Protein backbone atom coordinates (compact mmCIF):
# COMPACT_ATOMS: atom_id res chain seq x y z
CA MET A 1 -14.16 9.32 -46.07
CA SER A 2 -14.91 9.26 -50.02
CA SER A 3 -17.66 7.59 -51.54
CA ILE A 4 -15.85 4.46 -53.02
CA SER A 5 -14.55 4.01 -49.54
CA TYR A 6 -17.81 4.34 -47.69
CA ASN A 7 -19.67 2.43 -50.02
CA LEU A 8 -16.74 -0.53 -49.83
CA GLN A 9 -17.16 -0.46 -46.22
CA ALA A 10 -20.91 -0.81 -46.37
CA VAL A 11 -20.52 -3.96 -48.86
CA ARG A 12 -17.92 -5.56 -46.44
CA ASP A 13 -20.24 -4.98 -43.55
CA ARG A 14 -23.04 -6.60 -45.43
CA ILE A 15 -20.89 -9.33 -46.30
CA MET A 16 -19.91 -9.99 -42.71
CA ALA A 17 -23.85 -9.48 -41.69
CA GLU A 18 -25.06 -11.84 -44.16
CA ALA A 19 -22.04 -14.83 -43.72
CA ARG A 20 -22.95 -14.63 -40.00
CA ALA A 21 -26.71 -15.28 -40.30
CA MET A 22 -25.92 -18.00 -42.25
CA SER A 23 -23.00 -19.25 -39.55
CA ARG A 24 -20.46 -18.74 -42.43
CA ASP A 25 -17.10 -17.52 -41.78
CA PRO A 26 -17.01 -13.99 -43.65
CA HIS A 27 -13.50 -14.49 -44.26
CA ASP A 28 -14.10 -17.56 -46.84
CA ILE A 29 -16.29 -14.53 -48.99
CA HIS A 30 -13.95 -12.85 -51.13
CA LEU A 31 -14.84 -9.60 -52.43
CA LEU A 32 -14.59 -8.89 -56.11
CA ALA A 33 -15.21 -5.49 -57.15
CA VAL A 34 -16.48 -4.61 -60.78
CA SER A 35 -14.98 -1.80 -62.34
CA LYS A 36 -15.83 -2.22 -65.80
CA THR A 37 -17.09 1.21 -67.49
CA PHE A 38 -14.84 3.00 -64.47
CA GLY A 39 -11.58 4.34 -64.67
CA PRO A 40 -8.27 3.98 -63.28
CA ASP A 41 -8.97 6.86 -60.63
CA ALA A 42 -11.91 4.85 -58.92
CA VAL A 43 -9.84 1.55 -59.25
CA ILE A 44 -6.98 3.21 -57.19
CA GLU A 45 -9.43 4.86 -54.79
CA ALA A 46 -10.71 1.64 -53.86
CA ALA A 47 -7.26 -0.11 -53.84
CA GLN A 48 -6.20 2.60 -51.32
CA SER A 49 -9.26 1.22 -49.24
CA GLY A 50 -7.78 -2.29 -48.99
CA GLN A 51 -9.46 -3.80 -52.43
CA MET A 52 -7.11 -5.34 -54.25
CA ALA A 53 -9.17 -7.91 -56.91
CA PHE A 54 -10.95 -6.18 -59.44
CA GLY A 55 -13.33 -7.76 -62.48
CA GLU A 56 -13.53 -6.52 -65.82
CA ASN A 57 -15.64 -7.32 -68.94
CA TYR A 58 -14.23 -5.55 -71.75
CA LEU A 59 -10.86 -6.83 -72.84
CA GLN A 60 -9.44 -3.21 -74.30
CA GLU A 61 -11.21 -1.11 -71.70
CA ALA A 62 -9.25 -3.32 -69.14
CA LEU A 63 -6.09 -3.47 -70.70
CA ASP A 64 -5.80 0.60 -70.99
CA LYS A 65 -6.85 0.72 -67.43
CA MET A 66 -4.25 -1.90 -66.05
CA GLU A 67 -1.55 0.22 -68.00
CA ALA A 68 -2.93 3.36 -66.54
CA VAL A 69 -2.85 2.32 -63.05
CA ARG A 70 0.56 0.90 -63.31
CA ALA A 71 1.52 4.22 -64.96
CA LEU A 72 0.27 6.32 -61.94
CA HIS A 73 0.96 3.78 -58.95
CA PRO A 74 3.72 1.24 -59.94
CA ASP A 75 3.74 -0.32 -56.48
CA LEU A 76 0.05 -1.71 -56.42
CA GLN A 77 -0.39 -4.97 -56.73
CA LEU A 78 -3.91 -5.60 -57.97
CA GLU A 79 -5.32 -9.06 -59.02
CA TRP A 80 -7.37 -8.78 -62.27
CA HIS A 81 -10.20 -11.12 -63.01
CA PHE A 82 -11.56 -11.29 -66.41
CA ILE A 83 -15.67 -11.78 -66.15
CA GLY A 84 -17.29 -11.22 -69.42
CA PRO A 85 -18.06 -13.34 -72.58
CA ILE A 86 -14.67 -14.48 -74.51
CA GLN A 87 -14.08 -14.31 -78.23
CA SER A 88 -11.34 -16.85 -79.50
CA ASN A 89 -9.46 -13.60 -81.08
CA LYS A 90 -9.04 -12.21 -77.49
CA THR A 91 -7.73 -15.21 -75.35
CA ARG A 92 -3.98 -14.47 -75.94
CA PRO A 93 -3.89 -10.47 -74.19
CA ILE A 94 -6.42 -12.26 -71.66
CA ALA A 95 -4.07 -15.09 -70.98
CA GLU A 96 -1.25 -12.60 -70.73
CA HIS A 97 -2.66 -9.74 -68.41
CA PHE A 98 -5.22 -11.66 -66.06
CA ASP A 99 -4.99 -13.64 -63.25
CA TRP A 100 -8.18 -15.29 -63.10
CA VAL A 101 -10.82 -15.93 -65.64
CA HIS A 102 -14.76 -16.64 -64.47
CA SER A 103 -16.02 -16.99 -67.86
CA VAL A 104 -14.77 -20.26 -69.53
CA ASP A 105 -17.72 -21.82 -71.12
CA ARG A 106 -16.38 -24.14 -73.89
CA GLU A 107 -13.15 -26.09 -74.34
CA LYS A 108 -12.10 -24.14 -77.31
CA ILE A 109 -11.53 -21.15 -75.15
CA ALA A 110 -9.73 -23.23 -72.24
CA LEU A 111 -7.32 -24.63 -74.96
CA ARG A 112 -6.53 -21.44 -76.33
CA LEU A 113 -6.21 -19.86 -72.57
CA SER A 114 -3.65 -23.04 -71.84
CA GLU A 115 -1.66 -22.65 -74.92
CA GLN A 116 -1.27 -19.03 -74.58
CA ARG A 117 -0.41 -18.52 -70.83
CA PRO A 118 2.97 -17.44 -70.84
CA PRO A 119 5.10 -19.88 -69.04
CA HIS A 120 6.71 -17.35 -66.54
CA LEU A 121 3.63 -16.85 -65.27
CA PRO A 122 1.69 -19.23 -62.73
CA PRO A 123 -1.17 -21.41 -63.91
CA LEU A 124 -3.96 -18.97 -64.81
CA ASN A 125 -7.07 -19.38 -62.29
CA VAL A 126 -10.27 -20.04 -63.89
CA CYS A 127 -13.93 -20.99 -63.40
CA LEU A 128 -16.04 -22.83 -65.66
CA GLN A 129 -19.10 -20.69 -66.25
CA VAL A 130 -22.49 -22.61 -65.99
CA ASN A 131 -25.57 -21.35 -67.68
CA ILE A 132 -27.76 -22.13 -64.50
CA SER A 133 -30.87 -21.15 -65.60
CA GLY A 134 -30.58 -22.42 -69.30
CA GLU A 135 -31.18 -18.73 -70.72
CA ALA A 136 -30.78 -18.98 -74.61
CA SER A 137 -29.29 -15.27 -74.74
CA LYS A 138 -26.51 -16.12 -72.07
CA SER A 139 -22.88 -17.76 -71.90
CA GLY A 140 -22.18 -20.78 -70.17
CA ALA A 141 -21.90 -24.50 -70.26
CA SER A 142 -25.29 -26.36 -69.42
CA ALA A 143 -25.37 -28.17 -66.15
CA GLU A 144 -25.46 -31.50 -67.98
CA GLU A 145 -22.37 -30.78 -70.06
CA ALA A 146 -20.19 -29.18 -66.71
CA GLU A 147 -18.58 -32.25 -65.73
CA ASN A 148 -16.96 -33.74 -68.83
CA LEU A 149 -15.84 -29.97 -69.57
CA ALA A 150 -14.52 -29.55 -66.19
CA ARG A 151 -12.64 -32.76 -66.37
CA ARG A 152 -11.08 -31.38 -69.77
CA ILE A 153 -10.13 -28.22 -68.57
CA ALA A 154 -8.58 -29.59 -65.23
CA ASP A 155 -6.23 -31.58 -67.40
CA MET A 156 -4.75 -28.61 -69.21
CA PRO A 157 -1.21 -27.92 -68.12
CA ARG A 158 -1.42 -23.83 -67.85
CA LEU A 159 -4.77 -23.67 -66.17
CA ASN A 160 -5.91 -23.93 -62.41
CA LEU A 161 -9.66 -25.00 -62.56
CA ARG A 162 -10.61 -23.30 -59.28
CA GLY A 163 -14.85 -23.79 -59.80
CA LEU A 164 -17.79 -22.63 -61.29
CA MET A 165 -19.35 -19.41 -61.83
CA ALA A 166 -23.23 -18.23 -62.65
CA ILE A 167 -25.31 -15.35 -63.58
CA PRO A 168 -28.63 -16.35 -62.96
CA GLU A 169 -31.89 -14.80 -64.24
CA PRO A 170 -32.48 -12.15 -62.33
CA VAL A 171 -35.50 -12.19 -59.81
CA ALA A 172 -36.76 -10.00 -56.99
CA ASP A 173 -38.17 -12.89 -54.63
CA PRO A 174 -34.78 -13.68 -52.19
CA GLU A 175 -36.06 -17.39 -52.13
CA LYS A 176 -36.60 -17.61 -55.85
CA GLN A 177 -33.07 -16.18 -56.36
CA ARG A 178 -31.43 -18.81 -54.01
CA ALA A 179 -32.95 -22.01 -56.43
CA PRO A 180 -30.46 -21.47 -58.97
CA PHE A 181 -27.30 -20.83 -56.91
CA ARG A 182 -28.37 -23.95 -54.79
CA GLU A 183 -28.20 -25.61 -58.20
CA LEU A 184 -24.82 -24.56 -58.78
CA ARG A 185 -23.64 -25.39 -55.24
CA MET A 186 -25.12 -28.94 -55.58
CA LEU A 187 -23.33 -29.25 -59.13
CA ALA A 188 -19.99 -28.26 -57.78
CA GLU A 189 -20.25 -30.63 -54.61
CA ARG A 190 -21.08 -33.39 -57.40
CA LEU A 191 -17.60 -32.46 -58.81
CA ARG A 192 -15.78 -32.40 -55.63
CA ALA A 193 -17.08 -35.93 -54.71
CA SER A 194 -15.74 -37.21 -58.35
CA GLY A 195 -12.33 -36.12 -57.26
CA LEU A 196 -12.14 -32.55 -58.86
CA LYS A 197 -10.49 -30.17 -56.46
CA LEU A 198 -12.67 -27.19 -56.69
CA ASP A 199 -12.77 -24.53 -54.16
CA THR A 200 -14.63 -21.67 -55.61
CA LEU A 201 -18.23 -20.54 -56.49
CA SER A 202 -18.26 -17.19 -58.06
CA MET A 203 -21.86 -16.20 -57.96
CA GLY A 204 -23.89 -13.20 -56.42
CA MET A 205 -23.89 -9.58 -57.45
CA SER A 206 -25.45 -6.12 -55.76
CA ALA A 207 -28.66 -7.11 -56.06
CA ASP A 208 -28.85 -11.12 -54.96
CA LEU A 209 -25.78 -10.97 -52.65
CA ALA A 210 -27.58 -12.35 -49.67
CA ALA A 211 -28.96 -15.54 -51.49
CA ALA A 212 -25.51 -16.09 -53.25
CA ILE A 213 -23.70 -16.06 -49.54
CA ALA A 214 -26.76 -18.46 -47.89
CA GLU A 215 -25.78 -21.03 -50.87
CA GLY A 216 -21.92 -20.95 -50.37
CA ALA A 217 -20.96 -18.26 -52.40
CA THR A 218 -16.84 -17.58 -52.13
CA ILE A 219 -16.33 -14.86 -54.67
CA VAL A 220 -19.16 -12.05 -55.07
CA ARG A 221 -18.85 -9.90 -58.07
CA ILE A 222 -20.24 -6.23 -56.69
CA GLY A 223 -20.03 -3.18 -58.79
CA THR A 224 -22.85 -0.89 -58.56
CA ALA A 225 -23.01 -0.91 -54.65
CA ILE A 226 -19.01 0.17 -54.72
CA PHE A 227 -18.69 2.39 -57.70
CA GLY A 228 -22.23 4.01 -58.45
CA LYS A 229 -24.54 3.68 -61.52
CA ARG A 230 -22.73 2.88 -64.62
CA ASP A 231 -22.56 5.12 -67.76
CA TYR A 232 -22.61 3.15 -70.55
CA ALA A 233 -22.70 5.89 -73.14
CA LYS A 234 -19.07 6.66 -72.24
């Protein structure tokens, strides 16, 4: 068994154990393998072990990787998620090539994605990114503006608003890790109670996976625990 296959199985086992500890159905938690900075060979290796959903932060790297994977394995039907910050001039290729976008944080970006989503493709699945910890350096709508923004996004014709995403400020204490995830879950519950059909909480990474699952994550974004340490100098 390759290291990626081994790591994937270990992550799946951990998700299952954490879900059961919280009396949750493990099948309700989807693993997004964050493949940024890793090449097409790593994606193919993970796909051959049954991982079909991949998250990317850097647009040009992702587009090159998609093309390389298609050239090597045209039979692979992968699901690509964009999870990084979005600049206005990058929305068209994101709308054209991705299945999901987790990092929609303002109306202008959502409008551009909606207008630029090709009509032959299904509506683009999107999550509203919420800056749940209020960090000045981090992308995301504030919790206060999230409801109005979510309603506007839900009305856009080529988008399918699925839920909320957050990257809380990192802390080591497991109980403190749960607090921002709890806030995001409660915000999602308020939005559902107001009539929005949301089914996704994209939250939790390698270091805070257990806290996210405890608070209701439906997509966990795991990179290092699957692919290993990243070399950003490449």
